[in-house]
Amino acid sequence: MFTVKSYSEFLSEIRSIDEALKNVRLSNIEVDRVKESITFNFICDKVIDENLQHAILGKAEKISSSVFSIVNVSVKKIS
């Protein structure tokens, strides 16, 4: 069983990882039923390095259902 967090709780956890993520926003979530994957797409005002993306992925994996065998995150810098 998994716990669904509210949008604000999830974003608060993401933003608490690092100061660079203080303005991060979740832009959308893509679900692929065939591949059993989920992708969390974020936008941020800063370039986010691979280590921070990995930390975000860890948080996303914790809240994702076990139905998804693949969990991905994407963080794009907005101009």
Protein backbone atom coordinates (compact mmCIF):
# COMPACT_ATOMS: atom_id res chain seq x y z
CA MET A 1 0.00 0.00 0.00
CA PHE A 2 1.18 3.52 -0.67
CA THR A 3 0.33 6.88 0.80
CA VAL A 4 -0.89 9.66 -1.44
CA LYS A 5 0.42 12.98 -0.28
CA SER A 6 -1.17 16.26 -1.10
CA TYR A 7 0.40 18.39 -3.80
CA SER A 8 1.61 20.92 -1.23
CA GLU A 9 3.17 18.23 1.01
CA PHE A 10 5.00 16.68 -1.92
CA LEU A 11 6.32 20.04 -3.13
CA SER A 12 7.37 21.00 0.40
CA GLU A 13 9.43 17.81 0.64
CA ILE A 14 11.05 18.49 -2.74
CA ARG A 15 11.80 22.11 -1.86
CA SER A 16 13.35 21.12 1.47
CA ILE A 17 16.06 19.09 -0.30
CA ASP A 18 18.10 22.15 -1.32
CA GLU A 19 17.86 25.95 -1.52
CA ALA A 20 18.11 25.74 -5.34
CA LEU A 21 14.71 24.00 -5.35
CA LYS A 22 12.82 26.68 -3.42
CA ASN A 23 10.88 27.75 -6.55
CA VAL A 24 10.44 24.34 -8.17
CA ARG A 25 6.96 23.55 -9.51
CA LEU A 26 5.38 20.35 -10.74
CA SER A 27 4.29 21.05 -14.31
CA ASN A 28 2.66 17.69 -15.06
CA ILE A 29 2.71 13.95 -14.50
CA GLU A 30 2.85 11.48 -17.38
CA VAL A 31 1.58 7.93 -16.94
CA ASP A 32 2.35 5.17 -19.45
CA ARG A 33 0.16 2.17 -18.71
CA VAL A 34 1.89 -0.05 -21.27
CA LYS A 35 5.38 0.54 -19.84
CA GLU A 36 3.99 0.82 -16.30
CA SER A 37 5.91 4.06 -15.85
CA ILE A 38 5.26 7.44 -14.30
CA THR A 39 7.21 10.63 -15.01
CA PHE A 40 7.09 13.70 -12.79
CA ASN A 41 7.92 16.81 -14.83
CA PHE A 42 9.15 19.81 -12.87
CA ILE A 43 10.12 23.33 -13.85
CA CYS A 44 12.54 25.51 -11.92
CA ASP A 45 14.16 28.93 -12.20
CA LYS A 46 17.61 27.36 -11.71
CA VAL A 47 19.57 24.63 -13.45
CA ILE A 48 19.32 21.51 -11.29
CA ASP A 49 22.31 19.16 -11.26
CA GLU A 50 22.18 15.38 -11.47
CA ASN A 51 22.60 14.87 -7.70
CA LEU A 52 19.55 17.01 -6.92
CA GLN A 53 17.53 15.28 -9.65
CA HIS A 54 18.45 11.95 -8.04
CA ALA A 55 17.26 13.25 -4.65
CA ILE A 56 13.96 14.35 -6.25
CA LEU A 57 13.64 10.92 -7.84
CA GLY A 58 14.00 9.32 -4.40
CA LYS A 59 11.09 11.39 -3.07
CA ALA A 60 8.99 10.62 -6.16
CA GLU A 61 9.66 6.89 -5.84
CA LYS A 62 8.46 6.97 -2.22
CA ILE A 63 5.06 8.40 -3.11
CA SER A 64 4.52 6.36 -6.29
CA SER A 65 2.38 3.27 -6.32
CA SER A 66 4.06 -0.11 -6.70
CA VAL A 67 1.98 -0.44 -9.88
CA PHE A 68 4.69 1.61 -11.59
CA SER A 69 7.83 -0.37 -12.29
CA ILE A 70 9.58 2.74 -13.64
CA VAL A 71 9.60 6.18 -11.97
CA ASN A 72 11.28 9.11 -13.73
CA VAL A 73 11.75 12.80 -12.99
CA SER A 74 12.55 15.63 -15.32
CA VAL A 75 13.53 19.11 -14.14
CA LYS A 76 13.72 21.82 -16.78
CA LYS A 77 14.92 25.35 -16.30
CA ILE A 78 12.40 27.98 -17.32
CA SER A 79 13.67 31.05 -19.12
